Amino acid sequence: MAKKGTIVLSLTTEGWFADYSGSASRAEIHNLFGTTLILTGFTARAKWQTVKRDIERLNPEITVEVR
C-alpha cells in the first residue's frame, strides 16, 4: 500500500512537533487546524524512538521521519 503523505517530527524546547506534508494529509490537517505544524503530546524528554514508533502506530498510512 502506498503511503499517503509524510509526517516530519522535530524536537523543540516545547516538545515534539509533527509537520504534515503530502497532498491528502497536509490539506486535511490544514483545514482542521489552520496549520500543518502540530504539537504532539510528547514532551521534550521523550526519546525520538518512542515518538516515532507511537506516531507510526497511530498513522500507519503515512511515512514518519525524524529531523
N, C-alpha and C. Protein backbone atom coordinates (compact mmCIF):
# COMPACT_ATOMS: atom_id res chain seq x y z
N MET A 1 0.84 -1.19 0.00
CA MET A 1 0.00 0.00 0.00
C MET A 1 0.88 1.25 0.00
N ALA A 2 0.62 2.17 -0.89
CA ALA A 2 1.38 3.40 -0.98
C ALA A 2 1.02 4.32 0.18
N LYS A 3 2.02 5.00 0.71
CA LYS A 3 1.81 5.94 1.80
C LYS A 3 1.16 7.21 1.26
N LYS A 4 0.29 7.83 2.08
CA LYS A 4 -0.48 8.99 1.64
C LYS A 4 0.24 10.32 1.84
N GLY A 5 1.29 10.34 2.59
CA GLY A 5 1.99 11.58 2.86
C GLY A 5 3.11 11.32 3.84
N THR A 6 3.60 12.40 4.44
CA THR A 6 4.72 12.30 5.37
C THR A 6 4.46 13.16 6.60
N ILE A 7 4.84 12.64 7.75
CA ILE A 7 4.88 13.42 8.98
C ILE A 7 6.35 13.55 9.34
N VAL A 8 6.81 14.79 9.48
CA VAL A 8 8.19 15.04 9.90
C VAL A 8 8.15 15.49 11.35
N LEU A 9 8.80 14.72 12.21
CA LEU A 9 8.85 15.03 13.64
C LEU A 9 10.09 15.87 13.94
N SER A 10 9.92 16.88 14.77
CA SER A 10 11.06 17.71 15.17
C SER A 10 10.93 18.05 16.65
N LEU A 11 12.06 18.15 17.30
CA LEU A 11 12.11 18.41 18.73
C LEU A 11 12.45 19.86 18.99
N THR A 12 11.67 20.49 19.87
CA THR A 12 11.96 21.85 20.32
C THR A 12 11.94 21.83 21.85
N THR A 13 12.21 22.95 22.45
CA THR A 13 12.15 23.03 23.91
C THR A 13 10.73 22.87 24.42
N GLU A 14 9.74 23.09 23.57
CA GLU A 14 8.33 22.93 23.94
C GLU A 14 7.87 21.48 23.87
N GLY A 15 8.58 20.65 23.11
CA GLY A 15 8.19 19.26 22.92
C GLY A 15 8.34 18.86 21.47
N TRP A 16 7.74 17.73 21.14
CA TRP A 16 7.82 17.19 19.79
C TRP A 16 6.69 17.74 18.92
N PHE A 17 7.07 18.25 17.73
CA PHE A 17 6.11 18.75 16.76
C PHE A 17 6.03 17.79 15.59
N ALA A 18 4.85 17.73 14.98
CA ALA A 18 4.63 16.95 13.77
C ALA A 18 4.25 17.91 12.65
N ASP A 19 4.99 17.87 11.57
CA ASP A 19 4.70 18.70 10.39
C ASP A 19 4.22 17.77 9.29
N TYR A 20 3.00 17.98 8.85
CA TYR A 20 2.35 17.12 7.86
C TYR A 20 2.62 17.63 6.45
N SER A 21 3.01 16.73 5.56
CA SER A 21 3.18 17.09 4.16
C SER A 21 2.64 15.97 3.28
N GLY A 22 2.49 16.24 2.03
CA GLY A 22 1.85 15.28 1.13
C GLY A 22 0.42 15.72 0.90
N SER A 23 -0.08 15.50 -0.23
CA SER A 23 -1.34 16.09 -0.68
C SER A 23 -2.53 15.85 0.26
N ALA A 24 -2.85 14.63 0.57
CA ALA A 24 -4.07 14.34 1.34
C ALA A 24 -3.94 14.76 2.79
N SER A 25 -2.88 14.34 3.45
CA SER A 25 -2.75 14.63 4.88
C SER A 25 -2.54 16.12 5.13
N ARG A 26 -1.75 16.78 4.32
CA ARG A 26 -1.46 18.20 4.52
C ARG A 26 -2.74 19.03 4.42
N ALA A 27 -3.53 18.80 3.40
CA ALA A 27 -4.76 19.57 3.22
C ALA A 27 -5.75 19.31 4.35
N GLU A 28 -5.89 18.06 4.75
CA GLU A 28 -6.82 17.71 5.82
C GLU A 28 -6.41 18.35 7.14
N ILE A 29 -5.13 18.26 7.49
CA ILE A 29 -4.65 18.84 8.74
C ILE A 29 -4.79 20.36 8.70
N HIS A 30 -4.43 20.97 7.57
CA HIS A 30 -4.54 22.43 7.47
C HIS A 30 -5.99 22.89 7.60
N ASN A 31 -6.91 22.17 6.99
CA ASN A 31 -8.33 22.53 7.09
C ASN A 31 -8.84 22.42 8.53
N LEU A 32 -8.35 21.43 9.26
CA LEU A 32 -8.79 21.22 10.64
C LEU A 32 -8.20 22.23 11.62
N PHE A 33 -6.90 22.53 11.47
CA PHE A 33 -6.19 23.31 12.48
C PHE A 33 -5.67 24.66 12.00
N GLY A 34 -5.74 24.93 10.70
CA GLY A 34 -5.23 26.19 10.17
C GLY A 34 -3.71 26.21 10.03
N THR A 35 -3.08 25.08 10.23
CA THR A 35 -1.63 24.93 10.11
C THR A 35 -1.33 23.46 9.86
N THR A 36 -0.12 23.17 9.42
CA THR A 36 0.29 21.77 9.25
C THR A 36 1.28 21.37 10.33
N LEU A 37 1.66 22.29 11.20
CA LEU A 37 2.61 22.03 12.27
C LEU A 37 1.85 21.90 13.59
N ILE A 38 1.85 20.70 14.15
CA ILE A 38 1.04 20.39 15.33
C ILE A 38 1.94 19.92 16.46
N LEU A 39 1.75 20.48 17.65
CA LEU A 39 2.46 20.00 18.84
C LEU A 39 1.86 18.66 19.24
N THR A 40 2.71 17.64 19.37
CA THR A 40 2.22 16.33 19.78
C THR A 40 2.07 16.29 21.29
N GLY A 41 1.64 15.18 21.83
CA GLY A 41 1.51 15.02 23.27
C GLY A 41 2.82 14.62 23.94
N PHE A 42 3.92 14.61 23.21
CA PHE A 42 5.20 14.18 23.75
C PHE A 42 6.01 15.38 24.22
N THR A 43 6.55 15.28 25.42
CA THR A 43 7.40 16.35 25.94
C THR A 43 8.78 16.25 25.31
N ALA A 44 9.60 17.25 25.57
CA ALA A 44 10.96 17.27 25.05
C ALA A 44 11.82 16.16 25.67
N ARG A 45 11.37 15.58 26.75
CA ARG A 45 12.13 14.50 27.40
C ARG A 45 11.91 13.14 26.72
N ALA A 46 10.91 13.02 25.87
CA ALA A 46 10.62 11.75 25.19
C ALA A 46 11.72 11.44 24.18
N LYS A 47 12.12 10.19 24.12
CA LYS A 47 13.13 9.75 23.15
C LYS A 47 12.51 9.70 21.76
N TRP A 48 13.35 10.01 20.76
CA TRP A 48 12.84 10.06 19.39
C TRP A 48 12.29 8.71 18.96
N GLN A 49 12.89 7.63 19.42
CA GLN A 49 12.45 6.29 19.03
C GLN A 49 11.00 6.03 19.50
N THR A 50 10.70 6.48 20.70
CA THR A 50 9.35 6.31 21.26
C THR A 50 8.34 7.14 20.49
N VAL A 51 8.70 8.39 20.22
CA VAL A 51 7.80 9.29 19.50
C VAL A 51 7.52 8.74 18.10
N LYS A 52 8.57 8.36 17.39
CA LYS A 52 8.40 7.84 16.03
C LYS A 52 7.55 6.58 16.03
N ARG A 53 7.83 5.65 16.92
CA ARG A 53 7.07 4.39 16.99
C ARG A 53 5.59 4.65 17.23
N ASP A 54 5.28 5.52 18.18
CA ASP A 54 3.88 5.77 18.51
C ASP A 54 3.15 6.55 17.42
N ILE A 55 3.82 7.50 16.79
CA ILE A 55 3.20 8.25 15.69
C ILE A 55 2.96 7.32 14.50
N GLU A 56 3.91 6.43 14.22
CA GLU A 56 3.72 5.45 13.14
C GLU A 56 2.54 4.51 13.45
N ARG A 57 2.42 4.11 14.68
CA ARG A 57 1.32 3.22 15.07
C ARG A 57 -0.03 3.90 14.88
N LEU A 58 -0.09 5.19 15.19
CA LEU A 58 -1.34 5.93 15.06
C LEU A 58 -1.65 6.34 13.62
N ASN A 59 -0.64 6.34 12.76
CA ASN A 59 -0.79 6.79 11.37
C ASN A 59 -0.13 5.81 10.42
N PRO A 60 -0.62 4.58 10.33
CA PRO A 60 0.05 3.57 9.51
C PRO A 60 0.08 3.89 8.01
N GLU A 61 -0.78 4.77 7.56
CA GLU A 61 -0.84 5.09 6.14
C GLU A 61 0.09 6.24 5.74
N ILE A 62 0.84 6.78 6.72
CA ILE A 62 1.69 7.93 6.47
C ILE A 62 3.13 7.59 6.85
N THR A 63 4.10 8.03 6.04
CA THR A 63 5.51 7.86 6.34
C THR A 63 5.90 8.83 7.45
N VAL A 64 6.64 8.35 8.46
CA VAL A 64 7.07 9.19 9.57
C VAL A 64 8.59 9.31 9.55
N GLU A 65 9.08 10.56 9.60
CA GLU A 65 10.51 10.85 9.62
C GLU A 65 10.84 11.69 10.83
N VAL A 66 12.08 11.60 11.30
CA VAL A 66 12.56 12.44 12.41
C VAL A 66 13.69 13.29 11.88
N ARG A 67 13.61 14.59 12.16
CA ARG A 67 14.68 15.52 11.73
C ARG A 67 15.16 16.32 12.91
